[in-house]
Protein backbone atom coordinates (compact mmCIF):
# COMPACT_ATOMS: atom_id res chain seq x y z
CA MET A 1 -0.02 0.17 0.03
CA LYS A 2 1.40 3.32 -0.78
CA ILE A 3 2.26 5.88 1.98
CA GLU A 4 -0.32 8.30 0.70
CA ASN A 5 -3.07 5.68 1.17
CA LEU A 6 -1.58 4.76 4.56
CA GLU A 7 -1.94 8.27 5.92
CA LYS A 8 -5.46 8.67 4.14
CA LEU A 9 -6.48 5.57 6.00
CA LYS A 10 -5.33 6.88 9.32
CA GLU A 11 -7.23 10.12 8.79
CA VAL A 12 -10.51 8.15 7.97
CA GLU A 13 -9.85 5.94 11.27
CA SER A 14 -9.29 9.02 13.23
CA CYS A 15 -12.43 10.47 11.99
CA VAL A 16 -14.61 7.27 12.58
CA LYS A 17 -13.16 7.28 16.19
CA CYS A 18 -14.24 10.67 16.68
CA PHE A 19 -17.64 10.19 15.18
CA ASP A 20 -18.24 7.13 17.49
CA GLU A 21 -17.32 9.24 20.68
CA ILE A 22 -19.79 12.06 19.26
CA LYS A 23 -22.49 9.41 18.86
CA THR A 24 -21.76 8.06 22.39
CA PHE A 25 -21.86 11.62 23.87
CA LEU A 26 -25.11 12.51 22.10
CA ARG A 27 -26.88 9.32 23.52
CA SER A 28 -25.68 9.96 27.10
CA SER A 29 -27.80 11.06 29.94
CA ARG A 30 -27.75 14.45 31.25
CA GLU A 31 -25.82 13.07 34.31
CA ASP A 32 -23.22 11.65 32.28
CA VAL A 33 -22.81 14.78 30.25
CA ILE A 34 -22.54 16.81 33.56
CA LYS A 35 -19.86 14.47 34.66
CA ARG A 36 -17.83 14.47 31.65
CA SER A 37 -17.91 18.16 31.41
CA PHE A 38 -16.55 18.55 34.92
CA GLU A 39 -14.00 15.81 34.11
CA ALA A 40 -12.80 18.00 31.13
CA LEU A 41 -13.06 21.07 32.97
CA ASN A 42 -10.82 19.64 35.93
CA ILE A 43 -8.37 18.57 33.37
CA GLN A 44 -7.91 22.15 32.11
CA PHE A 45 -8.15 23.43 35.73
CA LYS A 46 -5.19 21.45 36.88
CA TYR A 47 -3.30 22.32 33.74
CA ALA A 48 -3.87 26.08 34.48
CA THR A 49 -2.85 25.73 38.10
CA SER A 50 0.19 23.93 37.16
CA ASN A 51 1.42 25.94 34.07
CA SER A 52 -0.09 29.53 34.46
CA PRO A 53 1.81 32.07 36.72
CA PHE A 54 -1.47 33.77 37.39
CA TYR A 55 -3.25 30.57 38.48
CA ILE A 56 -0.27 29.19 40.22
CA GLN A 57 -0.12 32.36 42.42
CA ARG A 58 -3.89 32.32 43.12
CA PHE A 59 -3.91 28.68 43.93
CA LYS A 60 -0.97 29.01 46.15
CA GLN A 61 -2.68 31.87 48.05
CA GLY A 62 -5.71 29.59 48.64
CA ASP A 63 -7.96 31.69 46.36
CA LEU A 64 -9.08 28.82 44.28
CA PRO A 65 -10.76 25.38 44.85
CA GLN A 66 -8.74 22.31 45.07
CA ALA A 67 -11.00 21.13 42.17
CA VAL A 68 -14.02 22.19 40.19
CA LYS A 69 -17.08 19.99 41.41
CA SER A 70 -19.93 22.16 41.22
CA LEU A 71 -21.15 25.36 39.58
CA ASP A 72 -20.34 27.07 42.87
CA ASP A 73 -16.76 26.12 42.54
CA LEU A 74 -16.57 27.18 39.03
CA ARG A 75 -17.86 30.87 40.16
CA GLU A 76 -14.79 31.00 42.30
CA ILE A 77 -12.30 30.68 39.39
CA PRO A 78 -11.34 34.05 37.76
CA PHE A 79 -11.36 33.92 33.93
CA THR A 80 -8.77 35.56 31.92
CA THR A 81 -8.51 35.92 28.10
């Protein structure tokens, strides 16, 4: 098989996997969607509190929650652009 064909096949496989994940997500219950959303948000929150000087400082000062478990926790996080 040619290299170009292998690359196209990999792209198609990646799209199929993504589509399957989207289908699963769309069939999820409201609770599952909320749970996954908070899991994704906590990944970003952990990254920010480990890599952003602003969030590292705020986290060390105790101005931020340890994790985002609720909308109230989310309201405590200052957003930047």
